[in-house]
Amino acid sequence: MRRALLLLGFAALMSGSAAGQSASEVERCFQNPAGCSAGGGAAPAPGPAAGGAPIAAARPAAPDHASVLQKPEADRKRLQESLRTLDKYSGPIDGDLQSEATMKAIGDWQKGHGTAAVGKLTPAEAEQLNAEASRVPIRRIEPSTQIASPPPPPSNAETLKALKAKWAERRKAAEPKAEAAAQSLVRDLKAYVAADGDGVAGEQFAAFAKWYADNKVAGRTVGEIVPAIDDYGDGKSGAATTTEIRFDTKHGPDTSRQCLVFAWVEGTPRRNTQAFSCDDVAAVENWKTGQSLKSAWR
């Protein structure tokens, strides 16, 4: 009876908030007041958050590499130039930040800063890379690495000297043949004089035959005959020779010197033969041109 009265009294003390509790809950709170909430009920058991979903721990955001890869080509090329300035890259400046050489260079730069060598740059890393490169002092190019300037063109005097040396070599090679041709002509001329106007020299060189006859009529005799090769080389129909012949002519006690130029193409007999006064330079040159002479003498 006393227990029942106590229970009734405890229940009367509970406010309207405990009115909805069952008798068993009231009895439990009476026996163990610490197990009830401040409002007289049991402490709520832990449960799901609002909406029924459990709260997950927050994860750090992934690094942003896409922004740098999508930069304009000029910006990507600048990053490659910065890597080159820092001696990390030696490939082409083409703006390809995903090439093997560029990614390796970025990775090496990242390792030098104690970060993971992923081979891709975040915007902050790109800015830092360019800033570092801009602080690198301009390097002086050593003389050994400079491109050598081309040598100056030869002077006119040097060109002429080289040309004369070339002519001398050609003349040296042609000299034996030219000398043989000139001496052969001299022999025929001497034979013609010795025969007093008879022989192949007069038959081949009509101008020489007339010259000899004119001197004979004038009472002059022919003495020494001296050759000097004027030109020698290949013509359109064979080896061509022009030789200046000096004749000593005598008239009583007086001696005078006369000169003729003989021109011919080698053969047996000689071909395209002509004889000119030594003063008639134009006629001699016209003959050479007509033979398409390629001089080995001058």
C-alpha atoms as a PDB file:
ATOM      1  CA  MET A   1       0.000   0.000   0.000  1.00  0.00           C
ATOM      2  CA  ARG A   2       2.815   2.373   0.828  1.00  0.00           C
ATOM      3  CA  ARG A   3       4.605   1.614  -2.467  1.00  0.00           C
ATOM      4  CA  ALA A   4       1.487   2.417  -4.407  1.00  0.00           C
ATOM      5  CA  LEU A   5       1.124   5.755  -2.662  1.00  0.00           C
ATOM      6  CA  LEU A   6       4.744   6.656  -3.416  1.00  0.00           C
ATOM      7  CA  LEU A   7       4.315   5.863  -7.076  1.00  0.00           C
ATOM      8  CA  LEU A   8       1.206   7.974  -7.231  1.00  0.00           C
ATOM      9  CA  GLY A   9       3.037  10.835  -5.576  1.00  0.00           C
ATOM     10  CA  PHE A  10       6.008  10.628  -7.955  1.00  0.00           C
ATOM     11  CA  ALA A  11       3.692  10.563 -10.923  1.00  0.00           C
ATOM     12  CA  ALA A  12       1.929  13.690  -9.616  1.00  0.00           C
ATOM     13  CA  LEU A  13       5.237  15.485  -9.435  1.00  0.00           C
ATOM     14  CA  MET A  14       5.953  14.825 -13.163  1.00  0.00           C
ATOM     15  CA  SER A  15       4.858  17.645 -15.436  1.00  0.00           C
ATOM     16  CA  GLY A  16       2.716  17.276 -18.516  1.00  0.00           C
ATOM     17  CA  SER A  17       5.790  16.167 -20.437  1.00  0.00           C
ATOM     18  CA  ALA A  18       5.865  12.880 -18.481  1.00  0.00           C
ATOM     19  CA  ALA A  19       2.163  12.278 -18.920  1.00  0.00           C
ATOM     20  CA  GLY A  20       2.683  10.399 -22.167  1.00  0.00           C
ATOM     21  CA  GLN A  21       5.036   7.856 -20.569  1.00  0.00           C
ATOM     22  CA  SER A  22       3.840   4.378 -19.703  1.00  0.00           C
ATOM     23  CA  ALA A  23       3.707   3.098 -16.164  1.00  0.00           C
ATOM     24  CA  SER A  24       6.682   0.868 -16.772  1.00  0.00           C
ATOM     25  CA  GLU A  25       8.766   3.880 -17.877  1.00  0.00           C
ATOM     26  CA  VAL A  26       7.692   5.796 -14.763  1.00  0.00           C
ATOM     27  CA  GLU A  27       8.707   2.915 -12.564  1.00  0.00           C
ATOM     28  CA  ARG A  28      12.052   2.627 -14.352  1.00  0.00           C
ATOM     29  CA  CYS A  29      12.782   6.333 -13.869  1.00  0.00           C
ATOM     30  CA  PHE A  30      11.808   6.018 -10.214  1.00  0.00           C
ATOM     31  CA  GLN A  31      14.250   3.188  -9.717  1.00  0.00           C
ATOM     32  CA  ASN A  32      17.003   4.830 -11.792  1.00  0.00           C
ATOM     33  CA  PRO A  33      16.527   8.610 -12.095  1.00  0.00           C
ATOM     34  CA  ALA A  34      19.967   9.007 -13.866  1.00  0.00           C
ATOM     35  CA  GLY A  35      18.658   6.953 -16.785  1.00  0.00           C
ATOM     36  CA  CYS A  36      15.956   9.494 -17.586  1.00  0.00           C
ATOM     37  CA  SER A  37      16.356  12.750 -19.589  1.00  0.00           C
ATOM     38  CA  ALA A  38      15.990  16.160 -18.060  1.00  0.00           C
ATOM     39  CA  GLY A  39      12.399  16.074 -19.192  1.00  0.00           C
ATOM     40  CA  GLY A  40      11.785  12.854 -17.331  1.00  0.00           C
ATOM     41  CA  GLY A  41      12.128  10.490 -20.299  1.00  0.00           C
ATOM     42  CA  ALA A  42      14.882   8.146 -21.383  1.00  0.00           C
ATOM     43  CA  ALA A  43      17.933   9.541 -23.121  1.00  0.00           C
ATOM     44  CA  PRO A  44      17.535   9.196 -26.901  1.00  0.00           C
ATOM     45  CA  ALA A  45      19.692   6.581 -28.524  1.00  0.00           C
ATOM     46  CA  PRO A  46      22.133   7.740 -31.167  1.00  0.00           C
ATOM     47  CA  GLY A  47      20.626   7.581 -34.611  1.00  0.00           C
ATOM     48  CA  PRO A  48      21.096   8.727 -38.164  1.00  0.00           C
ATOM     49  CA  ALA A  49      21.365  12.409 -38.985  1.00  0.00           C
ATOM     50  CA  ALA A  50      18.553  14.343 -40.520  1.00  0.00           C
ATOM     51  CA  GLY A  51      17.547  12.858 -43.793  1.00  0.00           C
ATOM     52  CA  GLY A  52      18.670   9.383 -42.741  1.00  0.00           C
ATOM     53  CA  ALA A  53      22.191   9.521 -44.314  1.00  0.00           C
ATOM     54  CA  PRO A  54      25.396   9.138 -42.232  1.00  0.00           C
ATOM     55  CA  ILE A  55      27.816  12.129 -42.175  1.00  0.00           C
ATOM     56  CA  ALA A  56      31.048  11.344 -44.213  1.00  0.00           C
ATOM     57  CA  ALA A  57      34.496  12.828 -43.418  1.00  0.00           C
ATOM     58  CA  ALA A  58      35.489  15.735 -45.797  1.00  0.00           C
ATOM     59  CA  ARG A  59      38.158  14.818 -48.506  1.00  0.00           C
ATOM     60  CA  PRO A  60      40.825  17.261 -49.865  1.00  0.00           C
ATOM     61  CA  ALA A  61      40.233  18.527 -53.432  1.00  0.00           C
ATOM     62  CA  ALA A  62      42.309  16.937 -56.267  1.00  0.00           C
ATOM     63  CA  PRO A  63      45.137  19.107 -57.763  1.00  0.00           C
ATOM     64  CA  ASP A  64      44.069  21.189 -60.779  1.00  0.00           C
ATOM     65  CA  HIS A  65      46.300  20.156 -63.705  1.00  0.00           C
ATOM     66  CA  ALA A  66      43.749  20.677 -66.450  1.00  0.00           C
ATOM     67  CA  SER A  67      43.859  24.485 -66.273  1.00  0.00           C
ATOM     68  CA  VAL A  68      47.525  24.671 -67.252  1.00  0.00           C
ATOM     69  CA  LEU A  69      47.129  22.104 -70.051  1.00  0.00           C
ATOM     70  CA  GLN A  70      44.269  24.197 -71.482  1.00  0.00           C
ATOM     71  CA  LYS A  71      46.189  27.473 -71.448  1.00  0.00           C
ATOM     72  CA  PRO A  72      46.806  29.288 -74.782  1.00  0.00           C
ATOM     73  CA  GLU A  73      49.696  27.996 -76.853  1.00  0.00           C
ATOM     74  CA  ALA A  74      51.806  31.074 -76.126  1.00  0.00           C
ATOM     75  CA  ASP A  75      51.523  30.445 -72.356  1.00  0.00           C
ATOM     76  CA  ARG A  76      52.424  26.771 -72.782  1.00  0.00           C
ATOM     77  CA  LYS A  77      55.443  27.670 -74.884  1.00  0.00           C
ATOM     78  CA  ARG A  78      56.566  30.117 -72.232  1.00  0.00           C
ATOM     79  CA  LEU A  79      56.529  27.320 -69.654  1.00  0.00           C
ATOM     80  CA  GLN A  80      58.774  25.241 -71.899  1.00  0.00           C
ATOM     81  CA  GLU A  81      61.096  28.215 -72.305  1.00  0.00           C
ATOM     82  CA  SER A  82      61.208  28.627 -68.529  1.00  0.00           C
ATOM     83  CA  LEU A  83      62.154  24.963 -68.161  1.00  0.00           C
ATOM     84  CA  ARG A  84      64.891  25.473 -70.738  1.00  0.00           C
ATOM     85  CA  THR A  85      66.166  28.564 -68.912  1.00  0.00           C
ATOM     86  CA  LEU A  86      66.418  26.476 -65.723  1.00  0.00           C
ATOM     87  CA  ASP A  87      68.381  23.749 -67.615  1.00  0.00           C
ATOM     88  CA  LYS A  88      65.554  21.237 -67.242  1.00  0.00           C
ATOM     89  CA  TYR A  89      64.484  21.002 -70.888  1.00  0.00           C
ATOM     90  CA  SER A  90      66.232  20.910 -74.267  1.00  0.00           C
ATOM     91  CA  GLY A  91      63.410  19.869 -76.583  1.00  0.00           C
ATOM     92  CA  PRO A  92      61.393  21.912 -79.081  1.00  0.00           C
ATOM     93  CA  ILE A  93      59.353  24.924 -77.972  1.00  0.00           C
ATOM     94  CA  ASP A  94      56.055  23.661 -79.402  1.00  0.00           C
ATOM     95  CA  GLY A  95      53.616  24.187 -76.517  1.00  0.00           C
ATOM     96  CA  ASP A  96      53.082  20.422 -75.988  1.00  0.00           C
ATOM     97  CA  LEU A  97      53.152  20.052 -72.203  1.00  0.00           C
ATOM     98  CA  GLN A  98      52.206  16.376 -72.463  1.00  0.00           C
ATOM     99  CA  SER A  99      55.211  15.291 -74.497  1.00  0.00           C
ATOM    100  CA  GLU A 100      57.531  12.835 -72.795  1.00  0.00           C
ATOM    101  CA  ALA A 101      60.451  15.300 -72.700  1.00  0.00           C
ATOM    102  CA  THR A 102      58.335  18.131 -71.267  1.00  0.00           C
ATOM    103  CA  MET A 103      56.694  15.968 -68.594  1.00  0.00           C
ATOM    104  CA  LYS A 104      60.096  14.649 -67.522  1.00  0.00           C
ATOM    105  CA  ALA A 105      61.416  18.215 -67.273  1.00  0.00           C
ATOM    106  CA  ILE A 106      58.418  19.266 -65.141  1.00  0.00           C
ATOM    107  CA  GLY A 107      58.908  16.208 -62.933  1.00  0.00           C
ATOM    108  CA  ASP A 108      62.589  17.055 -62.434  1.00  0.00           C
ATOM    109  CA  TRP A 109      61.662  20.612 -61.487  1.00  0.00           C
ATOM    110  CA  GLN A 110      59.016  19.329 -59.024  1.00  0.00           C
ATOM    111  CA  LYS A 111      61.500  16.918 -57.437  1.00  0.00           C
ATOM    112  CA  GLY A 112      63.885  19.820 -56.942  1.00  0.00           C
ATOM    113  CA  HIS A 113      61.176  21.518 -54.876  1.00  0.00           C
ATOM    114  CA  GLY A 114      60.451  18.435 -52.759  1.00  0.00           C
ATOM    115  CA  THR A 115      57.042  17.722 -54.296  1.00  0.00           C
ATOM    116  CA  ALA A 116      55.719  14.683 -56.118  1.00  0.00           C
ATOM    117  CA  ALA A 117      57.126  14.425 -59.659  1.00  0.00           C
ATOM    118  CA  VAL A 118      53.781  14.073 -61.457  1.00  0.00           C
ATOM    119  CA  GLY A 119      54.980  15.798 -64.626  1.00  0.00           C
ATOM    120  CA  LYS A 120      52.010  18.193 -64.698  1.00  0.00           C
ATOM    121  CA  LEU A 121      51.684  21.685 -63.284  1.00  0.00           C
ATOM    122  CA  THR A 122      49.041  23.308 -61.152  1.00  0.00           C
ATOM    123  CA  PRO A 123      48.342  27.014 -61.832  1.00  0.00           C
ATOM    124  CA  ALA A 124      50.358  27.959 -58.740  1.00  0.00           C
ATOM    125  CA  GLU A 125      53.307  25.820 -59.861  1.00  0.00           C
ATOM    126  CA  ALA A 126      53.178  27.309 -63.359  1.00  0.00           C
ATOM    127  CA  GLU A 127      53.357  30.804 -61.925  1.00  0.00           C
ATOM    128  CA  GLN A 128      56.244  29.821 -59.643  1.00  0.00           C
ATOM    129  CA  LEU A 129      58.145  28.197 -62.547  1.00  0.00           C
ATOM    130  CA  ASN A 130      57.914  31.297 -64.723  1.00  0.00           C
ATOM    131  CA  ALA A 131      58.905  33.525 -61.818  1.00  0.00           C
ATOM    132  CA  GLU A 132      62.027  31.451 -61.128  1.00  0.00           C
ATOM    133  CA  ALA A 133      63.058  31.546 -64.798  1.00  0.00           C
ATOM    134  CA  SER A 134      62.621  35.318 -64.956  1.00  0.00           C
ATOM    135  CA  ARG A 135      65.147  35.729 -62.159  1.00  0.00           C
ATOM    136  CA  VAL A 136      67.887  33.756 -63.929  1.00  0.00           C
ATOM    137  CA  PRO A 137      70.608  36.178 -65.124  1.00  0.00           C
ATOM    138  CA  ILE A 138      71.337  36.409 -68.855  1.00  0.00           C
ATOM    139  CA  ARG A 139      74.284  34.161 -69.675  1.00  0.00           C
ATOM    140  CA  ARG A 140      77.250  35.460 -71.617  1.00  0.00           C
ATOM    141  CA  ILE A 141      77.965  33.445 -74.751  1.00  0.00           C
ATOM    142  CA  GLU A 142      81.538  32.223 -74.750  1.00  0.00           C
ATOM    143  CA  PRO A 143      83.563  32.981 -77.898  1.00  0.00           C
ATOM    144  CA  SER A 144      84.007  29.249 -78.562  1.00  0.00           C
ATOM    145  CA  THR A 145      80.236  28.807 -78.919  1.00  0.00           C
ATOM    146  CA  GLN A 146      79.665  31.769 -81.204  1.00  0.00           C
ATOM    147  CA  ILE A 147      78.959  31.172 -84.875  1.00  0.00           C
ATOM    148  CA  ALA A 148      82.046  32.032 -86.862  1.00  0.00           C
ATOM    149  CA  SER A 149      81.527  34.891 -89.266  1.00  0.00           C
ATOM    150  CA  PRO A 150      82.212  34.056 -92.915  1.00  0.00           C
ATOM    151  CA  PRO A 151      85.623  35.090 -94.218  1.00  0.00           C
ATOM    152  CA  PRO A 152      85.723  38.306 -96.248  1.00  0.00           C
ATOM    153  CA  PRO A 153      85.647  37.898-100.029  1.00  0.00           C
ATOM    154  CA  PRO A 154      89.054  37.913-101.707  1.00  0.00           C
ATOM    155  CA  SER A 155      90.342  41.232-102.979  1.00  0.00           C
ATOM    156  CA  ASN A 156      90.800  41.915-106.679  1.00  0.00           C
ATOM    157  CA  ALA A 157      94.546  41.489-106.294  1.00  0.00           C
ATOM    158  CA  GLU A 158      94.091  38.099-104.637  1.00  0.00           C
ATOM    159  CA  THR A 159      91.644  37.010-107.335  1.00  0.00           C
ATOM    160  CA  LEU A 160      94.050  38.025-110.098  1.00  0.00           C
ATOM    161  CA  LYS A 161      96.915  36.244-108.371  1.00  0.00           C
ATOM    162  CA  ALA A 162      94.859  33.048-108.113  1.00  0.00           C
ATOM    163  CA  LEU A 163      93.844  33.331-111.765  1.00  0.00           C
ATOM    164  CA  LYS A 164      97.445  33.754-112.887  1.00  0.00           C
ATOM    165  CA  ALA A 165      98.447  30.720-110.857  1.00  0.00           C
ATOM    166  CA  LYS A 166      95.692  28.716-112.553  1.00  0.00           C
ATOM    167  CA  TRP A 167      96.843  29.883-115.974  1.00  0.00           C
ATOM    168  CA  ALA A 168     100.435  28.971-115.130  1.00  0.00           C
ATOM    169  CA  GLU A 169      99.384  25.413-114.300  1.00  0.00           C
ATOM    170  CA  ARG A 170      97.439  25.081-117.554  1.00  0.00           C
ATOM    171  CA  ARG A 171     100.305  26.588-119.550  1.00  0.00           C
ATOM    172  CA  LYS A 172     102.806  24.249-117.937  1.00  0.00           C
ATOM    173  CA  ALA A 173     100.733  21.246-119.023  1.00  0.00           C
ATOM    174  CA  ALA A 174     100.245  22.590-122.593  1.00  0.00           C
ATOM    175  CA  GLU A 175     103.761  23.937-123.118  1.00  0.00           C
ATOM    176  CA  PRO A 176     105.415  20.810-124.600  1.00  0.00           C
ATOM    177  CA  LYS A 177     102.775  20.460-127.337  1.00  0.00           C
ATOM    178  CA  ALA A 178     102.739  24.180-128.117  1.00  0.00           C
ATOM    179  CA  GLU A 179     106.527  24.340-128.286  1.00  0.00           C
ATOM    180  CA  ALA A 180     106.650  21.334-130.601  1.00  0.00           C
ATOM    181  CA  ALA A 181     104.104  22.941-132.949  1.00  0.00           C
ATOM    182  CA  ALA A 182     106.050  26.240-133.053  1.00  0.00           C
ATOM    183  CA  GLN A 183     109.399  24.556-133.727  1.00  0.00           C
ATOM    184  CA  SER A 184     107.864  22.503-136.522  1.00  0.00           C
ATOM    185  CA  LEU A 185     106.679  25.725-138.188  1.00  0.00           C
ATOM    186  CA  VAL A 186     110.131  27.321-137.794  1.00  0.00           C
ATOM    187  CA  ARG A 187     111.740  24.371-139.548  1.00  0.00           C
ATOM    188  CA  ASP A 188     109.336  24.743-142.483  1.00  0.00           C
ATOM    189  CA  LEU A 189     109.963  28.499-142.656  1.00  0.00           C
ATOM    190  CA  LYS A 190     113.743  28.022-142.678  1.00  0.00           C
ATOM    191  CA  ALA A 191     113.399  25.364-145.345  1.00  0.00           C
ATOM    192  CA  TYR A 192     111.318  27.742-147.462  1.00  0.00           C
ATOM    193  CA  VAL A 193     113.946  30.490-147.142  1.00  0.00           C
ATOM    194  CA  ALA A 194     116.773  28.049-147.873  1.00  0.00           C
ATOM    195  CA  ALA A 195     114.923  26.928-151.025  1.00  0.00           C
ATOM    196  CA  ASP A 196     114.492  30.579-151.973  1.00  0.00           C
ATOM    197  CA  GLY A 197     110.712  30.581-151.861  1.00  0.00           C
ATOM    198  CA  ASP A 198     109.802  26.929-152.262  1.00  0.00           C
ATOM    199  CA  GLY A 199     108.192  24.596-149.736  1.00  0.00           C
ATOM    200  CA  VAL A 200     105.112  23.814-147.627  1.00  0.00           C
ATOM    201  CA  ALA A 201     105.371  27.032-145.585  1.00  0.00           C
ATOM    202  CA  GLY A 202     104.582  29.113-148.650  1.00  0.00           C
ATOM    203  CA  GLU A 203     101.876  26.688-149.804  1.00  0.00           C
ATOM    204  CA  GLN A 204     100.097  26.759-146.414  1.00  0.00           C
ATOM    205  CA  PHE A 205     100.587  30.452-145.577  1.00  0.00           C
ATOM    206  CA  ALA A 206      99.945  32.564-148.683  1.00  0.00           C
ATOM    207  CA  ALA A 207     100.496  35.813-146.783  1.00  0.00           C
ATOM    208  CA  PHE A 208     103.988  34.609-145.794  1.00  0.00           C
ATOM    209  CA  ALA A 209     104.831  33.695-149.410  1.00  0.00           C
ATOM    210  CA  LYS A 210     103.856  37.214-150.516  1.00  0.00           C
ATOM    211  CA  TRP A 211     105.855  38.766-147.685  1.00  0.00           C
ATOM    212  CA  TYR A 212     108.936  36.790-148.696  1.00  0.00           C
ATOM    213  CA  ALA A 213     108.540  37.747-152.346  1.00  0.00           C
ATOM    214  CA  ASP A 214     108.160  41.456-151.445  1.00  0.00           C
ATOM    215  CA  ASN A 215     111.379  41.394-149.395  1.00  0.00           C
ATOM    216  CA  LYS A 216     113.239  39.605-152.181  1.00  0.00           C
ATOM    217  CA  VAL A 217     112.149  42.260-154.681  1.00  0.00           C
ATOM    218  CA  ALA A 218     113.321  44.953-152.230  1.00  0.00           C
ATOM    219  CA  GLY A 219     116.755  43.341-152.123  1.00  0.00           C
ATOM    220  CA  ARG A 220     116.429  42.131-148.562  1.00  0.00           C
ATOM    221  CA  THR A 221     117.491  38.693-147.388  1.00  0.00           C
ATOM    222  CA  VAL A 222     116.072  36.776-144.441  1.00  0.00           C
ATOM    223  CA  GLY A 223     118.399  35.950-141.610  1.00  0.00           C
ATOM    224  CA  GLU A 224     117.516  34.675-138.104  1.00  0.00           C
ATOM    225  CA  ILE A 225     113.991  33.367-137.429  1.00  0.00           C
ATOM    226  CA  VAL A 226     112.841  33.491-133.759  1.00  0.00           C
ATOM    227  CA  PRO A 227     109.427  32.102-132.579  1.00  0.00           C
ATOM    228  CA  ALA A 228     107.335  33.255-129.605  1.00  0.00           C
ATOM    229  CA  ILE A 229     104.114  31.394-128.886  1.00  0.00           C
ATOM    230  CA  ASP A 230     101.164  33.759-128.796  1.00  0.00           C
ATOM    231  CA  ASP A 231      98.401  31.304-127.845  1.00  0.00           C
ATOM    232  CA  TYR A 232      97.616  27.608-127.716  1.00  0.00           C
ATOM    233  CA  GLY A 233      94.547  25.546-126.840  1.00  0.00           C
ATOM    234  CA  ASP A 234      91.742  23.332-128.077  1.00  0.00           C
ATOM    235  CA  GLY A 235      89.640  24.619-130.967  1.00  0.00           C
ATOM    236  CA  LYS A 236      86.482  23.284-132.536  1.00  0.00           C
ATOM    237  CA  SER A 237      88.473  21.171-135.011  1.00  0.00           C
ATOM    238  CA  GLY A 238      91.642  20.374-133.044  1.00  0.00           C
ATOM    239  CA  ALA A 239      94.578  21.921-131.221  1.00  0.00           C
ATOM    240  CA  ALA A 240      95.048  25.491-132.431  1.00  0.00           C
ATOM    241  CA  THR A 241      98.252  27.537-132.318  1.00  0.00           C
ATOM    242  CA  THR A 242      99.105  31.165-132.935  1.00  0.00           C
ATOM    243  CA  THR A 243     102.815  31.977-133.005  1.00  0.00           C
ATOM    244  CA  GLU A 244     104.602  35.283-133.421  1.00  0.00           C
ATOM    245  CA  ILE A 245     107.669  34.933-135.672  1.00  0.00           C
ATOM    246  CA  ARG A 246     110.365  37.616-135.773  1.00  0.00           C
ATOM    247  CA  PHE A 247     112.526  37.766-138.895  1.00  0.00           C
ATOM    248  CA  ASP A 248     115.854  39.575-139.184  1.00  0.00           C
ATOM    249  CA  THR A 249     116.125  40.963-142.738  1.00  0.00           C
ATOM    250  CA  LYS A 250     119.307  42.422-144.244  1.00  0.00           C
ATOM    251  CA  HIS A 251     119.756  44.966-146.957  1.00  0.00           C
ATOM    252  CA  GLY A 252     123.436  45.549-147.520  1.00  0.00           C
ATOM    253  CA  PRO A 253     124.973  46.540-144.194  1.00  0.00           C
ATOM    254  CA  ASP A 254     121.563  47.353-142.638  1.00  0.00           C
ATOM    255  CA  THR A 255     119.590  44.851-140.550  1.00  0.00           C
ATOM    256  CA  SER A 256     115.932  45.317-139.627  1.00  0.00           C
ATOM    257  CA  ARG A 257     113.401  43.177-137.778  1.00  0.00           C
ATOM    258  CA  GLN A 258     109.992  42.272-139.152  1.00  0.00           C
ATOM    259  CA  CYS A 259     107.183  40.291-137.500  1.00  0.00           C
ATOM    260  CA  LEU A 260     104.348  38.022-138.616  1.00  0.00           C
ATOM    261  CA  VAL A 261     101.756  36.025-136.607  1.00  0.00           C
ATOM    262  CA  PHE A 262     101.070  32.514-137.931  1.00  0.00           C
ATOM    263  CA  ALA A 263      97.827  30.782-136.983  1.00  0.00           C
ATOM    264  CA  TRP A 264      96.799  27.199-137.720  1.00  0.00           C
ATOM    265  CA  VAL A 265      95.065  24.053-136.496  1.00  0.00           C
ATOM    266  CA  GLU A 266      97.357  21.086-135.982  1.00  0.00           C
ATOM    267  CA  GLY A 267      97.315  18.349-138.593  1.00  0.00           C
ATOM    268  CA  THR A 268      99.178  16.957-141.537  1.00  0.00           C
ATOM    269  CA  PRO A 269      98.984  19.190-143.369  1.00  0.00           C
ATOM    270  CA  ARG A 270      98.157  22.147-141.148  1.00  0.00           C
ATOM    271  CA  ARG A 271      94.567  23.383-141.455  1.00  0.00           C
ATOM    272  CA  ASN A 272      92.823  26.772-141.339  1.00  0.00           C
ATOM    273  CA  THR A 273      96.171  28.487-141.848  1.00  0.00           C
ATOM    274  CA  GLN A 274      96.557  32.270-141.754  1.00  0.00           C
ATOM    275  CA  ALA A 275      99.399  34.788-141.432  1.00  0.00           C
ATOM    276  CA  PHE A 276      98.928  38.336-140.139  1.00  0.00           C
ATOM    277  CA  SER A 277     101.016  41.407-139.458  1.00  0.00           C
ATOM    278  CA  CYS A 278     101.893  41.532-135.768  1.00  0.00           C
ATOM    279  CA  ASP A 279     100.156  44.905-135.653  1.00  0.00           C
ATOM    280  CA  ASP A 280      96.839  43.403-136.793  1.00  0.00           C
ATOM    281  CA  VAL A 281      95.737  42.229-133.363  1.00  0.00           C
ATOM    282  CA  ALA A 282      92.026  42.338-134.214  1.00  0.00           C
ATOM    283  CA  ALA A 283      92.455  39.945-137.131  1.00  0.00           C
ATOM    284  CA  VAL A 284      94.344  37.480-134.931  1.00  0.00           C
ATOM    285  CA  GLU A 285      91.632  37.584-132.252  1.00  0.00           C
ATOM    286  CA  ASN A 286      88.901  37.100-134.865  1.00  0.00           C
ATOM    287  CA  TRP A 287      90.694  33.975-136.077  1.00  0.00           C
ATOM    288  CA  LYS A 288      90.803  32.602-132.528  1.00  0.00           C
ATOM    289  CA  THR A 289      87.112  33.313-132.089  1.00  0.00           C
ATOM    290  CA  GLY A 290      86.320  31.578-135.356  1.00  0.00           C
ATOM    291  CA  GLN A 291      88.158  28.481-134.142  1.00  0.00           C
ATOM    292  CA  SER A 292      86.381  28.601-130.730  1.00  0.00           C
ATOM    293  CA  LEU A 293      89.806  28.536-129.136  1.00  0.00           C
ATOM    294  CA  LYS A 294      89.855  27.575-125.450  1.00  0.00           C
ATOM    295  CA  SER A 295      93.199  28.941-124.428  1.00  0.00           C
ATOM    296  CA  ALA A 296      95.554  26.919-122.281  1.00  0.00           C
ATOM    297  CA  TRP A 297      98.147  29.646-122.614  1.00  0.00           C
ATOM    298  CA  ARG A 298      96.593  32.786-121.132  1.00  0.00           C
END
